[in-house]
Amino acid sequence: NRLDQIFISYVTNSSQYTSQYQYGFDPFTLEFYQNGTTMIYTTSDVCEEKAILWGAQKFIDSRYIHTILLEDLRPSTTYFYQVGNNDHG
């Protein structure tokens, strides 16, 4: 329950993307970065068979959840950010 930290999570459809979060005080200079962890989940983890068979959309079978912990954040401060890295942001 620290006020100077936050968990960031986002989802991608490929394992090639790095679990990374770039951030800073200026939108053109993201001077800090933090790496995180990646977990995989599949359609069968979140949908029953009927949803998979009868859904109007095609499901991408695997998704990757990226989770990053940012610490030592300054209170009452605006941060600018980008998930991913310079190649896949």
N, C-alpha and C. Protein backbone atom coordinates (compact mmCIF):
# COMPACT_ATOMS: atom_id res chain seq x y z
N ASN A 1 0.81 -1.20 0.00
CA ASN A 1 0.00 0.00 0.00
C ASN A 1 0.85 1.26 0.00
N ARG A 2 1.88 1.26 -0.79
CA ARG A 2 2.73 2.43 -0.89
C ARG A 2 2.15 3.41 -1.90
N LEU A 3 2.26 4.69 -1.60
CA LEU A 3 1.73 5.72 -2.49
C LEU A 3 2.68 6.06 -3.63
N ASP A 4 3.91 5.54 -3.57
CA ASP A 4 4.91 5.87 -4.59
C ASP A 4 5.11 4.75 -5.60
N GLN A 5 4.16 3.83 -5.69
CA GLN A 5 4.30 2.74 -6.65
C GLN A 5 2.96 2.41 -7.29
N ILE A 6 3.06 1.78 -8.47
CA ILE A 6 1.87 1.38 -9.22
C ILE A 6 2.23 0.19 -10.10
N PHE A 7 1.27 -0.72 -10.27
CA PHE A 7 1.42 -1.81 -11.23
C PHE A 7 0.80 -1.38 -12.55
N ILE A 8 1.50 -1.63 -13.65
CA ILE A 8 1.02 -1.36 -15.00
C ILE A 8 0.86 -2.71 -15.70
N SER A 9 -0.26 -2.93 -16.35
CA SER A 9 -0.48 -4.16 -17.11
C SER A 9 -1.02 -3.82 -18.49
N TYR A 10 -0.58 -4.59 -19.47
CA TYR A 10 -1.11 -4.45 -20.83
C TYR A 10 -0.99 -5.80 -21.53
N VAL A 11 -1.75 -5.96 -22.61
CA VAL A 11 -1.85 -7.24 -23.31
C VAL A 11 -1.35 -7.10 -24.74
N THR A 12 -0.59 -8.09 -25.21
CA THR A 12 -0.16 -8.16 -26.61
C THR A 12 -0.52 -9.54 -27.15
N ASN A 13 -0.38 -9.71 -28.46
CA ASN A 13 -0.70 -11.00 -29.08
C ASN A 13 0.55 -11.74 -29.53
N SER A 14 1.72 -11.32 -29.05
CA SER A 14 2.96 -11.97 -29.47
C SER A 14 3.96 -11.99 -28.32
N SER A 15 4.71 -13.06 -28.22
CA SER A 15 5.74 -13.17 -27.18
C SER A 15 6.99 -12.38 -27.54
N GLN A 16 7.06 -11.85 -28.75
CA GLN A 16 8.26 -11.12 -29.16
C GLN A 16 8.37 -9.75 -28.50
N TYR A 17 7.27 -9.25 -27.92
CA TYR A 17 7.29 -7.92 -27.33
C TYR A 17 7.84 -7.97 -25.91
N THR A 18 8.73 -7.06 -25.61
CA THR A 18 9.36 -6.96 -24.31
C THR A 18 8.39 -6.36 -23.29
N SER A 19 8.40 -6.89 -22.08
CA SER A 19 7.62 -6.29 -20.99
C SER A 19 8.42 -5.09 -20.48
N GLN A 20 8.18 -3.96 -21.08
CA GLN A 20 8.93 -2.77 -20.69
C GLN A 20 8.01 -1.56 -20.71
N TYR A 21 8.29 -0.64 -19.82
CA TYR A 21 7.52 0.59 -19.67
C TYR A 21 8.53 1.72 -19.63
N GLN A 22 8.41 2.66 -20.55
CA GLN A 22 9.29 3.83 -20.58
C GLN A 22 8.48 5.01 -20.08
N TYR A 23 9.09 5.85 -19.24
CA TYR A 23 8.35 6.98 -18.69
C TYR A 23 9.30 8.12 -18.33
N GLY A 24 8.74 9.29 -18.14
CA GLY A 24 9.52 10.46 -17.80
C GLY A 24 8.63 11.66 -17.57
N PHE A 25 9.26 12.80 -17.36
CA PHE A 25 8.53 14.04 -17.06
C PHE A 25 8.23 14.85 -18.31
N ASP A 26 8.82 14.47 -19.43
CA ASP A 26 8.64 15.18 -20.70
C ASP A 26 8.20 14.16 -21.75
N PRO A 27 7.17 14.45 -22.55
CA PRO A 27 6.69 13.45 -23.51
C PRO A 27 7.70 13.09 -24.59
N PHE A 28 8.70 13.93 -24.80
CA PHE A 28 9.69 13.67 -25.85
C PHE A 28 10.98 13.08 -25.30
N THR A 29 11.08 12.99 -23.98
CA THR A 29 12.27 12.43 -23.34
C THR A 29 11.82 11.46 -22.26
N LEU A 30 11.61 10.22 -22.63
CA LEU A 30 11.21 9.20 -21.66
C LEU A 30 12.49 8.60 -21.09
N GLU A 31 12.98 9.22 -20.03
CA GLU A 31 14.32 8.93 -19.53
C GLU A 31 14.43 7.70 -18.63
N PHE A 32 13.31 7.18 -18.15
CA PHE A 32 13.34 6.03 -17.26
C PHE A 32 12.68 4.83 -17.95
N TYR A 33 13.09 3.64 -17.56
CA TYR A 33 12.39 2.45 -18.04
C TYR A 33 12.42 1.38 -16.96
N GLN A 34 11.45 0.52 -17.03
CA GLN A 34 11.36 -0.58 -16.08
C GLN A 34 10.90 -1.82 -16.83
N ASN A 35 11.58 -2.93 -16.61
CA ASN A 35 11.17 -4.20 -17.20
C ASN A 35 10.23 -4.93 -16.26
N GLY A 36 9.44 -5.83 -16.80
CA GLY A 36 8.48 -6.57 -16.00
C GLY A 36 8.43 -8.03 -16.38
N THR A 37 7.30 -8.65 -16.11
CA THR A 37 7.12 -10.07 -16.38
C THR A 37 6.03 -10.26 -17.43
N THR A 38 6.03 -11.43 -18.06
CA THR A 38 5.03 -11.78 -19.06
C THR A 38 4.42 -13.13 -18.70
N MET A 39 3.10 -13.19 -18.75
CA MET A 39 2.37 -14.45 -18.56
C MET A 39 1.53 -14.69 -19.80
N ILE A 40 1.37 -15.95 -20.18
CA ILE A 40 0.55 -16.29 -21.34
C ILE A 40 -0.80 -16.84 -20.87
N TYR A 41 -1.84 -16.49 -21.60
CA TYR A 41 -3.13 -17.15 -21.40
C TYR A 41 -3.74 -17.44 -22.76
N THR A 42 -4.57 -18.47 -22.79
CA THR A 42 -5.19 -18.89 -24.03
C THR A 42 -6.70 -18.67 -23.96
N THR A 43 -7.36 -18.81 -25.08
CA THR A 43 -8.81 -18.65 -25.14
C THR A 43 -9.50 -19.60 -24.17
N SER A 44 -9.02 -20.81 -24.06
CA SER A 44 -9.66 -21.78 -23.16
C SER A 44 -9.53 -21.38 -21.69
N ASP A 45 -8.57 -20.51 -21.36
CA ASP A 45 -8.45 -20.01 -19.99
C ASP A 45 -9.56 -19.04 -19.63
N VAL A 46 -10.13 -18.35 -20.63
CA VAL A 46 -11.10 -17.29 -20.34
C VAL A 46 -12.47 -17.51 -20.97
N CYS A 47 -12.64 -18.49 -21.84
CA CYS A 47 -13.92 -18.73 -22.51
C CYS A 47 -14.31 -20.19 -22.41
N GLU A 48 -15.60 -20.40 -22.25
CA GLU A 48 -16.09 -21.77 -22.34
C GLU A 48 -16.19 -22.16 -23.80
N GLU A 49 -16.37 -23.42 -24.06
CA GLU A 49 -16.41 -23.92 -25.44
C GLU A 49 -17.46 -23.22 -26.28
N LYS A 50 -18.65 -22.95 -25.72
CA LYS A 50 -19.71 -22.29 -26.50
C LYS A 50 -19.27 -20.91 -26.98
N ALA A 51 -18.58 -20.18 -26.14
CA ALA A 51 -18.13 -18.85 -26.54
C ALA A 51 -17.12 -18.94 -27.68
N ILE A 52 -16.30 -19.93 -27.65
CA ILE A 52 -15.30 -20.10 -28.70
C ILE A 52 -15.98 -20.49 -30.02
N LEU A 53 -16.96 -21.40 -29.95
CA LEU A 53 -17.60 -21.91 -31.16
C LEU A 53 -18.62 -20.95 -31.75
N TRP A 54 -19.36 -20.23 -30.91
CA TRP A 54 -20.48 -19.44 -31.39
C TRP A 54 -20.19 -17.95 -31.47
N GLY A 55 -19.05 -17.51 -31.01
CA GLY A 55 -18.76 -16.08 -31.03
C GLY A 55 -18.64 -15.55 -32.45
N ALA A 56 -19.03 -14.30 -32.64
CA ALA A 56 -18.99 -13.68 -33.97
C ALA A 56 -17.57 -13.37 -34.41
N GLN A 57 -16.69 -13.19 -33.46
CA GLN A 57 -15.31 -12.84 -33.80
C GLN A 57 -14.43 -14.08 -33.80
N LYS A 58 -13.35 -13.97 -34.51
CA LYS A 58 -12.33 -15.01 -34.45
C LYS A 58 -11.43 -14.68 -33.26
N PHE A 59 -11.16 -15.66 -32.43
CA PHE A 59 -10.30 -15.45 -31.28
C PHE A 59 -8.86 -15.73 -31.64
N ILE A 60 -7.96 -14.91 -31.16
CA ILE A 60 -6.54 -15.23 -31.22
C ILE A 60 -6.28 -16.11 -30.01
N ASP A 61 -5.77 -17.30 -30.24
CA ASP A 61 -5.71 -18.28 -29.17
C ASP A 61 -4.84 -17.84 -28.00
N SER A 62 -3.72 -17.22 -28.24
CA SER A 62 -2.81 -16.88 -27.15
C SER A 62 -2.68 -15.37 -27.00
N ARG A 63 -2.64 -14.94 -25.78
CA ARG A 63 -2.40 -13.54 -25.44
C ARG A 63 -1.32 -13.50 -24.36
N TYR A 64 -0.62 -12.40 -24.29
CA TYR A 64 0.46 -12.24 -23.34
C TYR A 64 0.18 -11.04 -22.45
N ILE A 65 0.11 -11.26 -21.15
CA ILE A 65 -0.14 -10.20 -20.19
C ILE A 65 1.21 -9.75 -19.63
N HIS A 66 1.52 -8.49 -19.83
CA HIS A 66 2.77 -7.90 -19.35
C HIS A 66 2.45 -7.10 -18.09
N THR A 67 3.20 -7.31 -17.03
CA THR A 67 2.99 -6.61 -15.77
C THR A 67 4.31 -6.02 -15.29
N ILE A 68 4.25 -4.75 -14.91
CA ILE A 68 5.44 -4.01 -14.52
C ILE A 68 5.13 -3.24 -13.25
N LEU A 69 6.05 -3.25 -12.29
CA LEU A 69 5.91 -2.48 -11.06
C LEU A 69 6.81 -1.25 -11.16
N LEU A 70 6.20 -0.07 -11.05
CA LEU A 70 6.96 1.18 -10.99
C LEU A 70 7.02 1.62 -9.54
N GLU A 71 8.21 1.99 -9.09
CA GLU A 71 8.40 2.41 -7.71
C GLU A 71 9.08 3.77 -7.65
N ASP A 72 9.08 4.34 -6.46
CA ASP A 72 9.73 5.63 -6.20
C ASP A 72 9.17 6.75 -7.07
N LEU A 73 7.87 6.70 -7.33
CA LEU A 73 7.22 7.77 -8.10
C LEU A 73 6.99 8.98 -7.20
N ARG A 74 7.03 10.15 -7.79
CA ARG A 74 6.83 11.39 -7.05
C ARG A 74 5.34 11.72 -6.97
N PRO A 75 4.85 12.08 -5.80
CA PRO A 75 3.43 12.44 -5.69
C PRO A 75 3.13 13.75 -6.42
N SER A 76 1.90 13.89 -6.87
CA SER A 76 1.42 15.11 -7.55
C SER A 76 2.29 15.48 -8.74
N THR A 77 2.78 14.49 -9.46
CA THR A 77 3.66 14.71 -10.61
C THR A 77 3.04 14.08 -11.85
N THR A 78 3.09 14.79 -12.96
CA THR A 78 2.61 14.25 -14.23
C THR A 78 3.72 13.45 -14.89
N TYR A 79 3.42 12.22 -15.27
CA TYR A 79 4.36 11.37 -15.99
C TYR A 79 3.81 11.11 -17.39
N PHE A 80 4.72 11.02 -18.35
CA PHE A 80 4.39 10.62 -19.71
C PHE A 80 4.98 9.23 -19.90
N TYR A 81 4.34 8.40 -20.73
CA TYR A 81 4.78 7.01 -20.79
C TYR A 81 4.54 6.39 -22.16
N GLN A 82 5.18 5.24 -22.33
CA GLN A 82 4.99 4.39 -23.50
C GLN A 82 5.19 2.96 -23.03
N VAL A 83 4.26 2.07 -23.37
CA VAL A 83 4.48 0.67 -23.06
C VAL A 83 5.26 0.05 -24.21
N GLY A 84 6.08 -0.92 -23.88
CA GLY A 84 6.94 -1.52 -24.88
C GLY A 84 8.26 -0.77 -24.95
N ASN A 85 9.00 -1.02 -26.02
CA ASN A 85 10.28 -0.35 -26.19
C ASN A 85 10.24 0.49 -27.47
N ASN A 86 11.39 1.02 -27.88
CA ASN A 86 11.41 1.88 -29.07
C ASN A 86 11.02 1.13 -30.34
N ASP A 87 11.28 -0.17 -30.40
CA ASP A 87 10.92 -0.97 -31.57
C ASP A 87 9.45 -1.38 -31.57
N HIS A 88 8.92 -1.68 -30.41
CA HIS A 88 7.54 -2.17 -30.29
C HIS A 88 6.81 -1.39 -29.22
N GLY A 89 6.68 -0.08 -29.40
CA GLY A 89 6.01 0.75 -28.40
C GLY A 89 4.63 1.12 -28.81
